[in-house]
């Protein structure tokens, strides 16, 4: 029963994110990187999945719990603040990575049910991986173990496996490119 508001942010940054209450933000750079309607449907479905799965609220709860654990570790065990900070970052990264995998899976199912090509998610993840490596300039720095997102090859493999069991859907390349014609990238 959630109504969604999608806002396009006028920035060349390649990003999309969701906030509680059905607010989804997609950058101009994300729209320009995509090749077809199926890929954009995959991005939007992924962000809708974050809202439906209440990931923002769960992350806030996790951060509060981590802060409490950090205080206890400092008080009882005398751990340094740098040790606490690293433990919290690693814990939050692993938690966030699991949420991204859940949003991938749920988003692929949503996009397929809406009539879009479920393989588009894997295609777009591969495209994002290539873009990240290009942007960073060093392929070894593109995947960081403290990142909030799992490794791209793992996500692509999972997305491809899930999509194989779903019906093929729309992925209008020409129509999509015509719709974004004139956008600067």
N, C-alpha and C. Protein backbone atom coordinates (compact mmCIF):
# COMPACT_ATOMS: atom_id res chain seq x y z
N UNK A 1 0.81 -1.21 0.00
CA UNK A 1 0.00 0.00 0.00
C UNK A 1 0.84 1.26 0.00
N UNK A 2 2.14 1.13 -0.10
CA UNK A 2 3.01 2.30 -0.09
C UNK A 2 2.96 3.00 -1.44
N UNK A 3 2.84 4.33 -1.40
CA UNK A 3 2.98 5.12 -2.62
C UNK A 3 4.43 5.54 -2.71
N UNK A 4 4.98 5.51 -3.91
CA UNK A 4 6.38 5.84 -4.11
C UNK A 4 6.51 7.16 -4.84
N UNK A 5 7.48 7.93 -4.41
CA UNK A 5 7.82 9.18 -5.06
C UNK A 5 9.25 9.03 -5.57
N UNK A 6 9.41 9.09 -6.88
CA UNK A 6 10.73 8.96 -7.48
C UNK A 6 11.19 10.34 -7.90
N UNK A 7 12.36 10.73 -7.42
CA UNK A 7 12.94 12.03 -7.73
C UNK A 7 14.25 11.80 -8.48
N UNK A 8 14.40 12.52 -9.58
CA UNK A 8 15.65 12.45 -10.34
C UNK A 8 16.52 13.61 -9.90
N UNK A 9 17.70 13.28 -9.40
CA UNK A 9 18.65 14.30 -8.96
C UNK A 9 19.55 14.68 -10.12
N UNK A 10 19.70 15.97 -10.36
CA UNK A 10 20.47 16.46 -11.50
C UNK A 10 21.96 16.47 -11.16
N UNK A 11 22.53 15.29 -11.18
CA UNK A 11 23.96 15.15 -10.95
C UNK A 11 24.48 14.00 -11.81
N UNK A 12 25.71 14.13 -12.26
CA UNK A 12 26.33 13.07 -13.07
C UNK A 12 26.77 11.88 -12.23
N UNK A 13 26.76 12.00 -10.90
CA UNK A 13 27.08 10.86 -10.04
C UNK A 13 26.15 9.71 -10.38
N UNK A 14 26.68 8.50 -10.34
CA UNK A 14 25.88 7.31 -10.64
C UNK A 14 25.45 6.71 -9.31
N UNK A 15 24.17 6.93 -8.97
CA UNK A 15 23.69 6.47 -7.67
C UNK A 15 22.17 6.41 -7.66
N UNK A 16 21.65 5.63 -6.75
CA UNK A 16 20.22 5.57 -6.46
C UNK A 16 20.10 5.15 -5.00
N UNK A 17 19.09 5.67 -4.32
CA UNK A 17 18.88 5.28 -2.93
C UNK A 17 17.42 5.48 -2.56
N UNK A 18 17.01 4.83 -1.49
CA UNK A 18 15.63 4.90 -1.02
C UNK A 18 15.62 5.34 0.44
N UNK A 19 14.57 6.07 0.77
CA UNK A 19 14.35 6.49 2.15
C UNK A 19 13.01 5.93 2.62
N UNK A 20 12.86 5.75 3.92
CA UNK A 20 11.58 5.23 4.43
C UNK A 20 10.42 6.10 3.92
N UNK A 21 9.29 5.48 3.77
CA UNK A 21 8.11 6.19 3.32
C UNK A 21 7.91 6.17 1.83
N UNK A 22 8.79 5.47 1.10
CA UNK A 22 8.62 5.32 -0.33
C UNK A 22 9.27 6.41 -1.16
N UNK A 23 10.28 7.06 -0.64
CA UNK A 23 10.99 8.10 -1.39
C UNK A 23 12.23 7.49 -2.04
N UNK A 24 12.25 7.53 -3.37
CA UNK A 24 13.36 6.95 -4.11
C UNK A 24 14.02 8.06 -4.91
N UNK A 25 15.34 8.06 -4.86
CA UNK A 25 16.13 9.07 -5.57
C UNK A 25 17.05 8.35 -6.55
N UNK A 26 17.03 8.83 -7.79
CA UNK A 26 17.87 8.29 -8.85
C UNK A 26 18.59 9.46 -9.49
N UNK A 27 19.87 9.33 -9.69
CA UNK A 27 20.62 10.43 -10.30
C UNK A 27 20.54 10.38 -11.82
N UNK A 28 20.75 11.53 -12.42
CA UNK A 28 20.83 11.63 -13.87
C UNK A 28 21.91 10.71 -14.39
N UNK A 29 23.03 10.61 -13.67
CA UNK A 29 24.12 9.72 -14.07
C UNK A 29 23.69 8.27 -14.13
N UNK A 30 22.83 7.85 -13.20
CA UNK A 30 22.32 6.47 -13.21
C UNK A 30 21.45 6.24 -14.44
N UNK A 31 20.59 7.21 -14.74
CA UNK A 31 19.72 7.08 -15.91
C UNK A 31 20.53 7.02 -17.19
N UNK A 32 21.61 7.78 -17.25
CA UNK A 32 22.42 7.84 -18.45
C UNK A 32 23.31 6.61 -18.62
N UNK A 33 23.65 5.96 -17.53
CA UNK A 33 24.47 4.75 -17.61
C UNK A 33 23.66 3.55 -18.10
N UNK A 34 22.38 3.52 -17.75
CA UNK A 34 21.52 2.40 -18.13
C UNK A 34 21.32 2.35 -19.64
N UNK A 35 21.06 1.15 -20.15
CA UNK A 35 20.89 0.94 -21.58
C UNK A 35 19.46 0.67 -22.02
N UNK A 36 18.57 0.32 -21.08
CA UNK A 36 17.21 -0.01 -21.49
C UNK A 36 16.25 0.06 -20.31
N UNK A 37 14.96 -0.10 -20.63
CA UNK A 37 13.93 -0.01 -19.60
C UNK A 37 14.06 -1.10 -18.55
N UNK A 38 14.53 -2.27 -18.95
CA UNK A 38 14.71 -3.36 -17.99
C UNK A 38 15.74 -3.02 -16.93
N UNK A 39 16.82 -2.35 -17.34
CA UNK A 39 17.87 -1.99 -16.38
C UNK A 39 17.37 -0.93 -15.39
N UNK A 40 16.63 0.05 -15.88
CA UNK A 40 16.08 1.06 -14.97
C UNK A 40 15.02 0.44 -14.06
N UNK A 41 14.22 -0.46 -14.60
CA UNK A 41 13.24 -1.17 -13.77
C UNK A 41 13.95 -1.95 -12.66
N UNK A 42 15.10 -2.55 -12.98
CA UNK A 42 15.87 -3.30 -11.98
C UNK A 42 16.36 -2.37 -10.87
N UNK A 43 16.84 -1.19 -11.24
CA UNK A 43 17.32 -0.22 -10.25
C UNK A 43 16.16 0.21 -9.34
N UNK A 44 15.04 0.59 -9.95
CA UNK A 44 13.89 1.04 -9.15
C UNK A 44 13.34 -0.07 -8.28
N UNK A 45 13.26 -1.28 -8.81
CA UNK A 45 12.76 -2.42 -8.04
C UNK A 45 13.68 -2.72 -6.86
N UNK A 46 14.99 -2.59 -7.07
CA UNK A 46 15.97 -2.79 -5.99
C UNK A 46 15.71 -1.78 -4.86
N UNK A 47 15.51 -0.53 -5.23
CA UNK A 47 15.27 0.51 -4.22
C UNK A 47 13.92 0.32 -3.53
N UNK A 48 12.90 -0.09 -4.28
CA UNK A 48 11.60 -0.39 -3.68
C UNK A 48 11.75 -1.53 -2.68
N UNK A 49 12.56 -2.51 -3.01
CA UNK A 49 12.80 -3.64 -2.10
C UNK A 49 13.41 -3.16 -0.79
N UNK A 50 14.33 -2.20 -0.85
CA UNK A 50 14.89 -1.64 0.40
C UNK A 50 13.78 -1.06 1.28
N UNK A 51 12.83 -0.36 0.67
CA UNK A 51 11.73 0.24 1.43
C UNK A 51 10.85 -0.85 2.02
N UNK A 52 10.43 -1.81 1.18
CA UNK A 52 9.53 -2.88 1.62
C UNK A 52 10.17 -3.71 2.74
N UNK A 53 11.47 -3.94 2.64
CA UNK A 53 12.18 -4.76 3.62
C UNK A 53 12.63 -3.96 4.85
N UNK A 54 12.28 -2.68 4.89
CA UNK A 54 12.58 -1.80 6.03
C UNK A 54 14.06 -1.72 6.36
N UNK A 55 14.89 -1.69 5.35
CA UNK A 55 16.33 -1.70 5.56
C UNK A 55 16.85 -0.44 6.26
N UNK A 56 16.28 0.72 5.99
CA UNK A 56 16.76 1.94 6.65
C UNK A 56 16.55 1.85 8.16
N UNK A 57 15.38 1.39 8.56
CA UNK A 57 15.10 1.25 9.99
C UNK A 57 16.02 0.21 10.63
N UNK A 58 16.22 -0.90 9.94
CA UNK A 58 17.09 -1.95 10.47
C UNK A 58 18.53 -1.47 10.61
N UNK A 59 19.00 -0.66 9.64
CA UNK A 59 20.36 -0.11 9.73
C UNK A 59 20.49 0.82 10.93
N UNK A 60 19.48 1.64 11.15
CA UNK A 60 19.51 2.56 12.31
C UNK A 60 19.56 1.75 13.61
N UNK A 61 18.74 0.71 13.71
CA UNK A 61 18.76 -0.14 14.91
C UNK A 61 20.12 -0.81 15.09
N UNK A 62 20.70 -1.28 13.98
CA UNK A 62 22.02 -1.93 14.03
C UNK A 62 23.08 -0.95 14.49
N UNK A 63 23.03 0.27 13.99
CA UNK A 63 24.02 1.29 14.38
C UNK A 63 23.91 1.60 15.88
N UNK A 64 22.70 1.68 16.40
CA UNK A 64 22.51 1.93 17.83
C UNK A 64 23.06 0.77 18.66
N UNK A 65 22.80 -0.45 18.23
CA UNK A 65 23.30 -1.62 18.95
C UNK A 65 24.83 -1.65 18.91
N UNK A 66 25.42 -1.32 17.76
CA UNK A 66 26.88 -1.29 17.66
C UNK A 66 27.49 -0.24 18.58
N UNK A 67 26.84 0.90 18.70
CA UNK A 67 27.35 1.94 19.60
C UNK A 67 27.34 1.46 21.05
N UNK A 68 26.28 0.76 21.43
CA UNK A 68 26.20 0.23 22.78
C UNK A 68 27.30 -0.79 23.02
N UNK A 69 27.52 -1.69 22.07
CA UNK A 69 28.58 -2.69 22.20
C UNK A 69 29.95 -2.00 22.30
N UNK A 70 30.16 -0.97 21.51
CA UNK A 70 31.42 -0.23 21.56
C UNK A 70 31.66 0.37 22.94
N UNK A 71 30.62 0.92 23.53
CA UNK A 71 30.75 1.51 24.87
C UNK A 71 31.11 0.44 25.90
N UNK A 72 30.46 -0.70 25.79
CA UNK A 72 30.73 -1.81 26.72
C UNK A 72 32.17 -2.29 26.53
N UNK A 73 32.61 -2.44 25.28
CA UNK A 73 33.97 -2.90 25.03
C UNK A 73 34.99 -1.93 25.61
N UNK A 74 34.73 -0.66 25.46
CA UNK A 74 35.65 0.35 25.99
C UNK A 74 35.68 0.29 27.51
N UNK A 75 34.49 0.21 28.12
CA UNK A 75 34.40 0.23 29.58
C UNK A 75 34.91 -1.04 30.24
N UNK A 76 34.60 -2.17 29.66
CA UNK A 76 34.94 -3.45 30.28
C UNK A 76 36.30 -3.96 29.83
N UNK A 77 36.53 -3.92 28.52
CA UNK A 77 37.75 -4.51 27.98
C UNK A 77 38.86 -3.49 27.72
N UNK A 78 38.52 -2.22 27.80
CA UNK A 78 39.52 -1.20 27.55
C UNK A 78 39.95 -1.12 26.10
N UNK A 79 39.11 -1.52 25.17
CA UNK A 79 39.45 -1.45 23.75
C UNK A 79 39.65 -0.01 23.32
N UNK A 80 40.57 0.20 22.40
CA UNK A 80 40.82 1.57 21.92
C UNK A 80 39.68 2.01 21.01
N UNK A 81 39.56 3.33 20.84
CA UNK A 81 38.50 3.85 19.98
C UNK A 81 38.72 3.45 18.53
N UNK A 82 39.97 3.31 18.09
CA UNK A 82 40.22 2.89 16.71
C UNK A 82 39.78 1.44 16.50
N UNK A 83 39.99 0.59 17.52
CA UNK A 83 39.52 -0.80 17.43
C UNK A 83 37.99 -0.84 17.39
N UNK A 84 37.34 -0.01 18.21
CA UNK A 84 35.88 0.05 18.22
C UNK A 84 35.36 0.51 16.87
N UNK A 85 35.97 1.55 16.34
CA UNK A 85 35.50 2.11 15.07
C UNK A 85 35.63 1.08 13.95
N UNK A 86 36.76 0.37 13.90
CA UNK A 86 36.95 -0.64 12.86
C UNK A 86 35.95 -1.78 13.02
N UNK A 87 35.73 -2.24 14.26
CA UNK A 87 34.75 -3.30 14.50
C UNK A 87 33.36 -2.84 14.06
N UNK A 88 32.99 -1.62 14.38
CA UNK A 88 31.67 -1.10 14.00
C UNK A 88 31.54 -1.00 12.49
N UNK A 89 32.58 -0.51 11.83
CA UNK A 89 32.53 -0.39 10.37
C UNK A 89 32.43 -1.75 9.71
N UNK A 90 33.19 -2.72 10.20
CA UNK A 90 33.13 -4.07 9.62
C UNK A 90 31.76 -4.70 9.86
N UNK A 91 31.22 -4.52 11.04
CA UNK A 91 29.91 -5.07 11.38
C UNK A 91 28.83 -4.44 10.50
N UNK A 92 28.87 -3.12 10.34
CA UNK A 92 27.86 -2.43 9.53
C UNK A 92 28.02 -2.80 8.05
N UNK A 93 29.24 -2.95 7.58
CA UNK A 93 29.46 -3.31 6.18
C UNK A 93 28.87 -4.69 5.89
N UNK A 94 29.13 -5.65 6.77
CA UNK A 94 28.59 -7.00 6.57
C UNK A 94 27.06 -6.98 6.61
N UNK A 95 26.50 -6.22 7.53
CA UNK A 95 25.05 -6.09 7.66
C UNK A 95 24.47 -5.46 6.40
N UNK A 96 25.08 -4.39 5.92
CA UNK A 96 24.62 -3.69 4.72
C UNK A 96 24.75 -4.56 3.48
N UNK A 97 25.82 -5.33 3.40
CA UNK A 97 26.02 -6.21 2.25
C UNK A 97 24.89 -7.25 2.19
N UNK A 98 24.51 -7.78 3.32
CA UNK A 98 23.41 -8.76 3.36
C UNK A 98 22.11 -8.10 2.90
N UNK A 99 21.88 -6.86 3.31
CA UNK A 99 20.69 -6.14 2.87
C UNK A 99 20.70 -5.90 1.36
N UNK A 100 21.86 -5.60 0.81
CA UNK A 100 21.96 -5.38 -0.64
C UNK A 100 21.62 -6.66 -1.40
N UNK A 101 22.09 -7.79 -0.91
CA UNK A 101 21.76 -9.07 -1.55
C UNK A 101 20.26 -9.36 -1.45
N UNK A 102 19.66 -9.05 -0.31
CA UNK A 102 18.21 -9.22 -0.16
C UNK A 102 17.45 -8.31 -1.12
N UNK A 103 17.89 -7.06 -1.24
CA UNK A 103 17.23 -6.12 -2.14
C UNK A 103 17.42 -6.54 -3.60
N UNK A 104 18.59 -7.09 -3.93
CA UNK A 104 18.80 -7.61 -5.28
C UNK A 104 17.76 -8.69 -5.58
N UNK A 105 17.67 -9.67 -4.70
CA UNK A 105 16.77 -10.81 -4.92
C UNK A 105 15.32 -10.35 -5.00
N UNK A 106 14.88 -9.57 -4.05
CA UNK A 106 13.49 -9.11 -4.04
C UNK A 106 13.22 -8.20 -5.23
N UNK A 107 14.17 -7.32 -5.54
CA UNK A 107 14.01 -6.41 -6.67
C UNK A 107 13.88 -7.14 -8.00
N UNK A 108 14.67 -8.18 -8.20
CA UNK A 108 14.58 -8.96 -9.43
C UNK A 108 13.20 -9.61 -9.54
N UNK A 109 12.70 -10.11 -8.44
CA UNK A 109 11.37 -10.71 -8.45
C UNK A 109 10.29 -9.66 -8.76
N UNK A 110 10.41 -8.48 -8.15
CA UNK A 110 9.44 -7.40 -8.40
C UNK A 110 9.47 -6.97 -9.87
N UNK A 111 10.67 -6.76 -10.41
CA UNK A 111 10.79 -6.32 -11.81
C UNK A 111 10.20 -7.36 -12.75
N UNK A 112 10.45 -8.63 -12.47
CA UNK A 112 9.91 -9.69 -13.30
C UNK A 112 8.38 -9.71 -13.23
N UNK A 113 7.83 -9.59 -12.03
CA UNK A 113 6.37 -9.57 -11.87
C UNK A 113 5.75 -8.37 -12.59
N UNK A 114 6.50 -7.28 -12.71
CA UNK A 114 6.01 -6.08 -13.40
C UNK A 114 6.17 -6.19 -14.91
N UNK A 115 6.77 -7.29 -15.38
CA UNK A 115 6.89 -7.51 -16.81
C UNK A 115 8.21 -7.10 -17.43
N UNK A 116 9.21 -6.84 -16.60
CA UNK A 116 10.53 -6.46 -17.10
C UNK A 116 11.48 -7.65 -17.09
N UNK A 117 12.49 -7.57 -17.91
CA UNK A 117 13.47 -8.64 -18.05
C UNK A 117 14.26 -8.82 -16.75
N UNK A 118 14.16 -9.98 -16.09
CA UNK A 118 14.90 -10.17 -14.84
C UNK A 118 16.41 -10.24 -15.03
N UNK A 119 16.86 -10.57 -16.24
CA UNK A 119 18.30 -10.62 -16.53
C UNK A 119 18.90 -9.21 -16.56
N UNK A 120 18.05 -8.20 -16.69
CA UNK A 120 18.51 -6.81 -16.74
C UNK A 120 19.28 -6.43 -15.48
N UNK A 121 18.90 -6.98 -14.35
CA UNK A 121 19.61 -6.66 -13.10
C UNK A 121 21.07 -7.11 -13.19
N UNK A 122 21.30 -8.32 -13.67
CA UNK A 122 22.68 -8.82 -13.82
C UNK A 122 23.45 -7.98 -14.84
N UNK A 123 22.79 -7.63 -15.94
CA UNK A 123 23.45 -6.79 -16.96
C UNK A 123 23.86 -5.45 -16.36
N UNK A 124 22.95 -4.86 -15.59
CA UNK A 124 23.24 -3.54 -15.03
C UNK A 124 24.31 -3.62 -13.95
N UNK A 125 24.29 -4.67 -13.15
CA UNK A 125 25.34 -4.85 -12.15
C UNK A 125 26.71 -4.97 -12.82
N UNK A 126 26.77 -5.70 -13.93
CA UNK A 126 28.04 -5.82 -14.67
C UNK A 126 28.47 -4.46 -15.21
N UNK A 127 27.52 -3.71 -15.72
CA UNK A 127 27.80 -2.36 -16.21
C UNK A 127 28.30 -1.46 -15.08
N UNK A 128 27.65 -1.53 -13.93
CA UNK A 128 28.07 -0.74 -12.77
C UNK A 128 29.48 -1.14 -12.33
N UNK A 129 29.78 -2.42 -12.38
CA UNK A 129 31.12 -2.89 -12.02
C UNK A 129 32.18 -2.32 -12.95
N UNK A 130 31.89 -2.34 -14.24
CA UNK A 130 32.85 -1.77 -15.21
C UNK A 130 32.99 -0.28 -15.00
N UNK A 131 31.87 0.39 -14.74
CA UNK A 131 31.91 1.84 -14.52
C UNK A 131 32.70 2.18 -13.26
N UNK A 132 32.51 1.40 -12.20
CA UNK A 132 33.24 1.64 -10.94
C UNK A 132 34.74 1.48 -11.16
N UNK A 133 35.14 0.45 -11.87
CA UNK A 133 36.56 0.24 -12.14
C UNK A 133 37.13 1.36 -13.00
N UNK A 134 36.36 1.80 -13.97
CA UNK A 134 36.78 2.93 -14.82
C UNK A 134 36.91 4.20 -13.98
N UNK A 135 35.95 4.45 -13.12
CA UNK A 135 35.93 5.67 -12.31
C UNK A 135 37.07 5.71 -11.31
N UNK A 136 37.35 4.57 -10.69
CA UNK A 136 38.41 4.49 -9.68
C UNK A 136 39.78 4.54 -10.34
N UNK A 137 39.88 3.97 -11.53
CA UNK A 137 41.15 3.96 -12.24
C UNK A 137 42.03 2.78 -11.89
N UNK A 138 41.69 2.07 -10.82
CA UNK A 138 42.46 0.90 -10.40
C UNK A 138 41.46 -0.18 -10.02
N UNK A 139 41.41 -1.24 -10.79
CA UNK A 139 40.43 -2.29 -10.58
C UNK A 139 40.50 -2.89 -9.18
N UNK A 140 41.68 -2.92 -8.58
CA UNK A 140 41.82 -3.54 -7.26
C UNK A 140 41.15 -2.71 -6.17
N UNK A 141 40.89 -1.42 -6.44
CA UNK A 141 40.26 -0.57 -5.43
C UNK A 141 38.75 -0.51 -5.59
N UNK A 142 38.19 -1.09 -6.64
CA UNK A 142 36.76 -0.98 -6.91
C UNK A 142 35.92 -1.73 -5.88
N UNK A 143 36.38 -2.87 -5.37
CA UNK A 143 35.67 -3.63 -4.35
C UNK A 143 36.43 -3.52 -3.03
N UNK A 144 35.79 -2.90 -2.04
CA UNK A 144 36.39 -2.65 -0.74
C UNK A 144 35.69 -3.53 0.29
N UNK A 145 36.45 -4.22 1.16
CA UNK A 145 35.82 -5.13 2.11
C UNK A 145 34.99 -4.39 3.15
N UNK A 146 35.16 -3.08 3.29
CA UNK A 146 34.33 -2.29 4.20
C UNK A 146 33.18 -1.61 3.45
N UNK A 147 33.00 -1.95 2.21
CA UNK A 147 31.94 -1.36 1.41
C UNK A 147 30.58 -1.82 1.91
N UNK A 148 29.56 -0.98 1.69
CA UNK A 148 28.20 -1.35 2.05
C UNK A 148 27.59 -2.28 1.01
N UNK A 149 28.27 -2.50 -0.11
CA UNK A 149 27.77 -3.37 -1.17
C UNK A 149 28.68 -4.60 -1.31
N UNK A 150 28.08 -5.76 -1.57
CA UNK A 150 28.88 -6.97 -1.79
C UNK A 150 29.70 -6.86 -3.07
N UNK A 151 30.61 -7.79 -3.27
CA UNK A 151 31.42 -7.75 -4.48
C UNK A 151 30.53 -7.90 -5.71
N UNK A 152 30.87 -7.17 -6.74
CA UNK A 152 30.06 -7.16 -7.95
C UNK A 152 29.97 -8.53 -8.61
N UNK A 153 31.07 -9.28 -8.77
CA UNK A 153 30.94 -10.60 -9.40
C UNK A 153 29.97 -11.53 -8.65
N UNK A 154 29.98 -11.48 -7.33
CA UNK A 154 29.06 -12.31 -6.55
C UNK A 154 27.61 -11.89 -6.80
N UNK A 155 27.37 -10.59 -6.82
CA UNK A 155 26.00 -10.10 -7.07
C UNK A 155 25.53 -10.49 -8.47
N UNK A 156 26.41 -10.39 -9.45
CA UNK A 156 26.04 -10.76 -10.83
C UNK A 156 25.69 -12.24 -10.90
N UNK A 157 26.52 -13.07 -10.28
CA UNK A 157 26.28 -14.51 -10.29
C UNK A 157 24.93 -14.84 -9.64
N UNK A 158 24.64 -14.23 -8.51
CA UNK A 158 23.37 -14.48 -7.81
C UNK A 158 22.19 -13.99 -8.64
N UNK A 159 22.33 -12.80 -9.22
CA UNK A 159 21.24 -12.23 -10.02
C UNK A 159 20.96 -13.09 -11.25
N UNK A 160 22.01 -13.56 -11.89
CA UNK A 160 21.86 -14.41 -13.08
C UNK A 160 21.17 -15.72 -12.72
N UNK A 161 21.57 -16.34 -11.63
CA UNK A 161 20.97 -17.60 -11.20
C UNK A 161 19.48 -17.43 -10.90
N UNK A 162 19.12 -16.35 -10.22
CA UNK A 162 17.71 -16.11 -9.91
C UNK A 162 16.91 -15.84 -11.17
N UNK A 163 17.45 -15.05 -12.07
CA UNK A 163 16.74 -14.65 -13.29
C UNK A 163 16.45 -15.84 -14.21
N UNK A 164 17.28 -16.86 -14.15
CA UNK A 164 17.08 -18.03 -15.02
C UNK A 164 15.76 -18.73 -14.77
N UNK A 165 15.22 -18.57 -13.57
CA UNK A 165 13.96 -19.24 -13.21
C UNK A 165 12.74 -18.35 -13.39
N UNK A 166 12.93 -17.15 -13.95
CA UNK A 166 11.83 -16.21 -14.10
C UNK A 166 11.53 -15.97 -15.58
N UNK A 167 10.30 -15.59 -15.90
CA UNK A 167 9.97 -15.35 -17.31
C UNK A 167 10.69 -14.12 -17.87
N UNK A 168 10.99 -14.18 -19.17
CA UNK A 168 11.64 -13.06 -19.84
C UNK A 168 10.64 -11.92 -19.96
N UNK A 169 11.15 -10.69 -19.86
CA UNK A 169 10.26 -9.54 -19.94
C UNK A 169 10.85 -8.43 -20.80
N UNK A 170 10.27 -7.26 -20.67
CA UNK A 170 10.63 -6.10 -21.49
C UNK A 170 12.02 -5.58 -21.18
N UNK A 171 12.70 -5.17 -22.24
CA UNK A 171 13.97 -4.45 -22.11
C UNK A 171 14.16 -3.59 -23.36
N UNK A 172 13.31 -2.58 -23.48
CA UNK A 172 13.26 -1.72 -24.66
C UNK A 172 14.49 -0.80 -24.71
N UNK A 173 15.43 -1.15 -25.57
CA UNK A 173 16.67 -0.38 -25.71
C UNK A 173 16.42 0.93 -26.47
N UNK A 174 15.84 0.83 -27.63
CA UNK A 174 15.63 2.03 -28.47
C UNK A 174 14.71 3.04 -27.82
N UNK A 175 13.61 2.56 -27.25
CA UNK A 175 12.67 3.46 -26.59
C UNK A 175 13.29 4.17 -25.41
N UNK A 176 14.10 3.43 -24.65
CA UNK A 176 14.75 4.04 -23.49
C UNK A 176 15.75 5.11 -23.93
N UNK A 177 16.57 4.79 -24.91
CA UNK A 177 17.56 5.77 -25.38
C UNK A 177 16.87 7.00 -25.97
N UNK A 178 15.75 6.81 -26.64
CA UNK A 178 14.99 7.96 -27.17
C UNK A 178 14.46 8.82 -26.03
N UNK A 179 14.03 8.18 -24.95
CA UNK A 179 13.47 8.90 -23.80
C UNK A 179 14.50 9.74 -23.08
N UNK A 180 15.77 9.31 -23.07
CA UNK A 180 16.80 10.09 -22.37
C UNK A 180 17.66 10.91 -23.33
N UNK A 181 17.31 10.89 -24.62
CA UNK A 181 18.08 11.65 -25.60
C UNK A 181 18.14 13.13 -25.20
N UNK A 182 19.33 13.67 -25.23
CA UNK A 182 19.51 15.08 -24.88
C UNK A 182 20.03 15.32 -23.46
N UNK A 183 20.01 14.28 -22.63
CA UNK A 183 20.57 14.43 -21.29
C UNK A 183 22.08 14.52 -21.39
N UNK A 184 22.67 15.39 -20.60
CA UNK A 184 24.14 15.45 -20.61
C UNK A 184 24.68 14.43 -19.63
N UNK A 185 25.81 13.84 -19.98
CA UNK A 185 26.43 12.84 -19.11
C UNK A 185 27.84 13.27 -18.80
